[in-house]
Protein backbone atom coordinates (compact mmCIF):
# COMPACT_ATOMS: atom_id res chain seq x y z
CA UNK A 1 -29.34 -70.06 23.18
CA UNK A 2 -30.79 -67.30 25.23
CA UNK A 3 -27.44 -66.69 26.81
CA UNK A 4 -25.84 -66.43 23.29
CA UNK A 5 -28.53 -63.90 22.33
CA UNK A 6 -27.81 -61.95 25.48
CA UNK A 7 -24.06 -61.95 24.83
CA UNK A 8 -24.78 -60.69 21.24
CA UNK A 9 -27.10 -58.10 22.68
CA UNK A 10 -24.44 -56.83 25.11
CA UNK A 11 -21.79 -56.84 22.30
CA UNK A 12 -24.11 -54.92 20.03
CA UNK A 13 -24.82 -52.50 22.92
CA UNK A 14 -21.10 -51.97 23.42
CA UNK A 15 -20.69 -51.39 19.64
CA UNK A 16 -23.57 -48.90 19.70
CA UNK A 17 -22.13 -47.05 22.63
CA UNK A 18 -18.74 -46.96 20.92
CA UNK A 19 -20.38 -45.74 17.63
CA UNK A 20 -22.25 -43.01 19.47
CA UNK A 21 -19.03 -41.89 21.08
CA UNK A 22 -17.34 -41.80 17.75
CA UNK A 23 -20.25 -39.91 16.20
CA UNK A 24 -19.96 -37.43 19.03
CA UNK A 25 -16.21 -36.94 18.52
CA UNK A 26 -16.64 -36.60 14.82
CA UNK A 27 -19.39 -33.93 15.27
CA UNK A 28 -16.91 -31.99 17.52
CA UNK A 29 -14.25 -32.36 15.02
CA UNK A 30 -16.70 -31.17 12.20
CA UNK A 31 -17.64 -28.15 14.20
CA UNK A 32 -13.96 -27.27 14.70
CA UNK A 33 -13.33 -27.70 10.99
CA UNK A 34 -16.23 -25.53 10.22
CA UNK A 35 -14.92 -22.74 12.46
CA UNK A 36 -11.48 -23.06 10.91
CA UNK A 37 -13.06 -22.91 7.43
CA UNK A 38 -14.82 -19.73 8.29
CA UNK A 39 -11.65 -18.25 9.74
CA UNK A 40 -9.74 -19.10 6.65
CA UNK A 41 -12.37 -17.72 4.31
CA UNK A 42 -12.28 -14.50 6.34
CA UNK A 43 -8.46 -14.36 6.26
CA UNK A 44 -8.51 -15.07 2.47
CA UNK A 45 -11.01 -12.17 1.91
CA UNK A 46 -8.80 -9.86 4.04
CA UNK A 47 -5.66 -10.90 2.01
CA UNK A 48 -7.52 -10.34 -1.27
CA UNK A 49 -8.64 -6.86 -0.02
CA UNK A 50 -5.15 -6.17 1.14
CA UNK A 51 -3.74 -7.08 -2.28
CA UNK A 52 -6.32 -4.86 -3.92
CA UNK A 53 -5.30 -2.06 -1.54
CA UNK A 54 -1.70 -2.70 -2.34
CA UNK A 55 -2.38 -2.54 -5.98
CA UNK A 56 -4.21 0.82 -5.53
CA UNK A 57 -1.35 2.16 -3.39
CA UNK A 58 1.16 1.14 -6.17
CA UNK A 59 -0.96 2.84 -8.67
CA UNK A 60 -1.18 5.93 -6.55
CA UNK A 61 2.57 5.96 -5.97
CA UNK A 62 3.19 5.68 -9.71
CA UNK A 63 0.85 8.61 -10.41
CA UNK A 64 2.55 10.63 -7.67
CA UNK A 65 5.94 9.85 -9.24
CA UNK A 66 4.79 11.03 -12.61
CA UNK A 67 3.46 14.24 -11.07
CA UNK A 68 6.73 14.70 -9.13
CA UNK A 69 8.76 14.24 -12.30
CA UNK A 70 6.65 16.75 -14.18
CA UNK A 71 7.02 19.25 -11.39
CA UNK A 72 10.75 18.70 -11.20
CA UNK A 73 11.12 19.27 -15.03
CA UNK A 74 8.96 22.42 -14.81
CA UNK A 75 11.00 23.60 -11.74
CA UNK A 76 14.28 23.21 -13.55
CA UNK A 77 12.90 25.34 -16.52
CA UNK A 78 11.78 27.96 -14.13
CA UNK A 79 15.12 28.04 -12.35
CA UNK A 80 16.86 28.48 -15.72
CA UNK A 81 14.52 31.44 -16.48
CA UNK A 82 15.17 32.90 -13.11
CA UNK A 83 18.89 32.66 -13.55
CA UNK A 84 18.69 34.13 -17.06
CA UNK A 85 16.62 36.92 -15.66
CA UNK A 86 19.13 37.59 -12.83
CA UNK A 87 21.93 37.75 -15.41
CA UNK A 88 19.90 40.24 -17.42
CA UNK A 89 19.28 42.30 -14.32
CA UNK A 90 23.00 42.24 -13.51
CA UNK A 91 23.75 43.48 -17.04
CA UNK A 92 21.25 46.33 -16.56
CA UNK A 93 22.68 47.20 -13.19
CA UNK A 94 26.20 47.25 -14.66
CA UNK A 95 24.96 49.54 -17.53
CA UNK A 96 23.39 51.86 -14.91
CA UNK A 97 26.60 52.01 -13.11
CA UNK A 98 28.44 52.79 -16.24
CA UNK A 99 25.96 55.54 -17.08
CA UNK A 100 26.53 57.02 -13.59
CA UNK A 101 30.36 56.98 -14.16
CA UNK A 102 29.99 58.44 -17.59
CA UNK A 103 27.85 61.33 -16.34
CA UNK A 104 30.31 61.96 -13.37
CA UNK A 105 33.15 62.10 -15.89
CA UNK A 106 31.31 64.42 -18.12
CA UNK A 107 30.30 66.74 -15.25
CA UNK A 108 33.92 66.87 -14.08
CA UNK A 109 35.24 67.43 -17.59
CA UNK A 110 33.06 70.52 -18.29
């Protein structure tokens, strides 16, 4: 009977050692999983910030595009005005040349 109790005690001791070993392994695995969880949370936050930054960049690009289109339209109008002014100046120059010719002809015809 004592021998049977000793065998059971040894068997229980082996089971306890095996259980303690399993607990140690599970604790290590838990610690690794906790580190991974923290890393994933940090990565998730970084991605969310990146998406917010991307949304802000898209909004800024859209605003810049609107300004660029306004400036382009305004520039075209200014260029048209400059061309019109240049044509007017060319007419004035032609008129002045004509006046010079007329005065030369009148002086010669006296």
